[in-house]
């Protein structure tokens, strides 16, 4: 074998070895609690109740 063939064999072996050791990435995702809909729903209900009370009692304020 020539030096070139040996060098090529070493490079190929190194490339195969590096490809076999690819890192594994694991991502842990915790659940996200969203309370936006509940908050918006409560505000809409309160707004409707307030409007109703103001219409029933215009001298409140």
N, C-alpha and C. Protein backbone atom coordinates (compact mmCIF):
# COMPACT_ATOMS: atom_id res chain seq x y z
N UNK A 1 0.84 -1.19 0.00
CA UNK A 1 0.00 0.00 0.00
C UNK A 1 0.88 1.24 0.00
N UNK A 2 0.40 2.20 -0.70
CA UNK A 2 1.13 3.46 -0.75
C UNK A 2 0.71 4.33 0.43
N UNK A 3 1.48 5.38 0.66
CA UNK A 3 1.15 6.31 1.75
C UNK A 3 -0.20 6.97 1.51
N UNK A 4 -0.46 7.22 0.26
CA UNK A 4 -1.74 7.88 -0.08
C UNK A 4 -2.93 6.97 0.25
N UNK A 5 -2.81 5.69 -0.06
CA UNK A 5 -3.87 4.73 0.21
C UNK A 5 -4.07 4.56 1.71
N UNK A 6 -2.97 4.55 2.47
CA UNK A 6 -3.07 4.43 3.92
C UNK A 6 -3.73 5.67 4.51
N UNK A 7 -3.34 6.83 4.03
CA UNK A 7 -3.93 8.09 4.50
C UNK A 7 -5.42 8.14 4.17
N UNK A 8 -5.78 7.71 2.99
CA UNK A 8 -7.18 7.68 2.59
C UNK A 8 -7.99 6.71 3.47
N UNK A 9 -7.40 5.57 3.79
CA UNK A 9 -8.06 4.59 4.65
C UNK A 9 -8.24 5.15 6.06
N UNK A 10 -7.25 5.86 6.56
CA UNK A 10 -7.36 6.47 7.89
C UNK A 10 -8.43 7.56 7.92
N UNK A 11 -8.47 8.38 6.90
CA UNK A 11 -9.48 9.44 6.82
C UNK A 11 -10.88 8.84 6.73
N UNK A 12 -11.04 7.80 5.94
CA UNK A 12 -12.34 7.14 5.79
C UNK A 12 -12.77 6.52 7.12
N UNK A 13 -11.84 5.88 7.82
CA UNK A 13 -12.14 5.27 9.11
C UNK A 13 -12.54 6.34 10.13
N UNK A 14 -11.82 7.45 10.12
CA UNK A 14 -12.14 8.56 11.02
C UNK A 14 -13.50 9.15 10.72
N UNK A 15 -13.83 9.29 9.46
CA UNK A 15 -15.13 9.84 9.08
C UNK A 15 -16.26 8.91 9.50
N UNK A 16 -16.07 7.62 9.33
CA UNK A 16 -17.07 6.64 9.76
C UNK A 16 -17.24 6.66 11.28
N UNK A 17 -16.12 6.78 11.98
CA UNK A 17 -16.18 6.83 13.44
C UNK A 17 -16.89 8.07 13.93
N UNK A 18 -16.64 9.20 13.28
CA UNK A 18 -17.31 10.45 13.68
C UNK A 18 -18.80 10.40 13.36
N UNK A 19 -19.16 9.78 12.26
CA UNK A 19 -20.58 9.69 11.89
C UNK A 19 -21.34 8.77 12.84
N UNK A 20 -20.64 7.77 13.39
CA UNK A 20 -21.30 6.84 14.30
C UNK A 20 -21.56 7.47 15.67
N UNK A 21 -20.88 8.54 15.99
CA UNK A 21 -21.01 9.18 17.31
C UNK A 21 -21.81 10.48 17.23
N UNK A 22 -22.89 10.49 16.50
CA UNK A 22 -23.70 11.70 16.43
C UNK A 22 -24.43 11.90 17.75
N UNK A 23 -24.49 13.13 18.25
CA UNK A 23 -25.14 13.38 19.53
C UNK A 23 -26.65 13.24 19.45
N UNK A 24 -27.26 12.84 20.55
CA UNK A 24 -28.71 12.72 20.64
C UNK A 24 -29.22 13.88 21.47
N UNK A 25 -30.17 14.60 20.94
CA UNK A 25 -30.75 15.74 21.65
C UNK A 25 -32.13 15.33 22.14
N UNK A 26 -32.35 15.46 23.44
CA UNK A 26 -33.66 15.15 24.02
C UNK A 26 -34.20 16.40 24.66
N UNK A 27 -35.42 16.73 24.33
CA UNK A 27 -36.05 17.94 24.85
C UNK A 27 -37.21 17.53 25.73
N UNK A 28 -37.22 18.03 26.96
CA UNK A 28 -38.32 17.76 27.87
C UNK A 28 -39.22 18.99 27.90
N UNK A 29 -40.47 18.81 27.55
CA UNK A 29 -41.40 19.93 27.50
C UNK A 29 -42.43 19.73 28.61
N UNK A 30 -42.49 20.69 29.52
CA UNK A 30 -43.47 20.65 30.59
C UNK A 30 -44.79 21.21 30.07
N UNK A 31 -45.91 20.73 30.61
CA UNK A 31 -47.20 21.25 30.17
C UNK A 31 -47.35 22.73 30.55
N UNK A 32 -48.00 23.46 29.67
CA UNK A 32 -48.23 24.89 29.88
C UNK A 32 -49.71 25.09 30.18
N UNK A 33 -49.98 25.69 31.32
CA UNK A 33 -51.36 25.97 31.69
C UNK A 33 -51.73 27.37 31.23
N UNK A 34 -52.81 27.47 30.49
CA UNK A 34 -53.26 28.76 29.97
C UNK A 34 -54.63 29.06 30.55
N UNK A 35 -54.73 30.19 31.23
CA UNK A 35 -55.98 30.59 31.86
C UNK A 35 -56.61 31.79 31.15
N UNK A 36 -56.16 32.10 29.95
CA UNK A 36 -56.62 33.30 29.26
C UNK A 36 -58.11 33.21 28.92
N UNK A 37 -58.58 32.07 28.47
CA UNK A 37 -59.98 31.96 28.09
C UNK A 37 -60.88 32.15 29.30
N UNK A 38 -60.53 31.55 30.40
CA UNK A 38 -61.30 31.70 31.62
C UNK A 38 -61.35 33.16 32.05
N UNK A 39 -60.21 33.84 32.01
CA UNK A 39 -60.14 35.24 32.39
C UNK A 39 -61.00 36.11 31.48
N UNK A 40 -60.92 35.88 30.18
CA UNK A 40 -61.70 36.66 29.22
C UNK A 40 -63.19 36.39 29.41
N UNK A 41 -63.56 35.15 29.67
CA UNK A 41 -64.96 34.80 29.87
C UNK A 41 -65.52 35.48 31.11
N UNK A 42 -64.77 35.50 32.18
CA UNK A 42 -65.22 36.15 33.42
C UNK A 42 -65.38 37.64 33.20
N UNK A 43 -64.47 38.26 32.50
CA UNK A 43 -64.57 39.70 32.24
C UNK A 43 -65.80 40.02 31.40
N UNK A 44 -66.08 39.22 30.40
CA UNK A 44 -67.25 39.47 29.55
C UNK A 44 -68.53 39.34 30.38
N UNK A 45 -68.60 38.34 31.22
CA UNK A 45 -69.78 38.16 32.06
C UNK A 45 -69.94 39.33 33.03
N UNK A 46 -68.86 39.76 33.64
CA UNK A 46 -68.94 40.89 34.57
C UNK A 46 -69.34 42.16 33.84
N UNK A 47 -68.79 42.38 32.65
CA UNK A 47 -69.15 43.57 31.87
C UNK A 47 -70.64 43.56 31.56
N UNK A 48 -71.18 42.42 31.18
CA UNK A 48 -72.61 42.34 30.87
C UNK A 48 -73.44 42.60 32.12
N UNK A 49 -73.02 42.07 33.27
CA UNK A 49 -73.75 42.31 34.51
C UNK A 49 -73.71 43.78 34.90
N UNK A 50 -72.56 44.41 34.75
CA UNK A 50 -72.43 45.83 35.07
C UNK A 50 -73.31 46.67 34.15
N UNK A 51 -73.30 46.37 32.87
CA UNK A 51 -74.15 47.12 31.94
C UNK A 51 -75.62 46.95 32.30
N UNK A 52 -75.99 45.76 32.66
CA UNK A 52 -77.37 45.49 33.06
C UNK A 52 -77.74 46.28 34.31
N UNK A 53 -76.87 46.29 35.29
CA UNK A 53 -77.13 47.04 36.54
C UNK A 53 -77.20 48.54 36.28
N UNK A 54 -76.35 49.05 35.42
CA UNK A 54 -76.39 50.49 35.11
C UNK A 54 -77.68 50.85 34.37
N UNK A 55 -78.13 49.99 33.49
CA UNK A 55 -79.37 50.26 32.78
C UNK A 55 -80.55 50.21 33.74
N UNK A 56 -80.52 49.32 34.70
CA UNK A 56 -81.61 49.20 35.67
C UNK A 56 -81.59 50.34 36.69
N UNK A 57 -80.41 50.82 37.03
CA UNK A 57 -80.24 51.89 38.04
C UNK A 57 -79.36 52.99 37.47
N UNK A 58 -79.89 53.89 36.66
CA UNK A 58 -79.04 54.92 36.02
C UNK A 58 -78.48 55.92 37.04
N UNK A 59 -79.01 56.02 38.22
CA UNK A 59 -78.51 56.99 39.21
C UNK A 59 -77.49 56.37 40.16
N UNK A 60 -76.96 55.23 39.80
CA UNK A 60 -75.96 54.57 40.66
C UNK A 60 -74.71 55.40 40.83
N UNK A 61 -74.25 56.02 39.78
CA UNK A 61 -73.00 56.77 39.84
C UNK A 61 -73.29 58.23 39.91
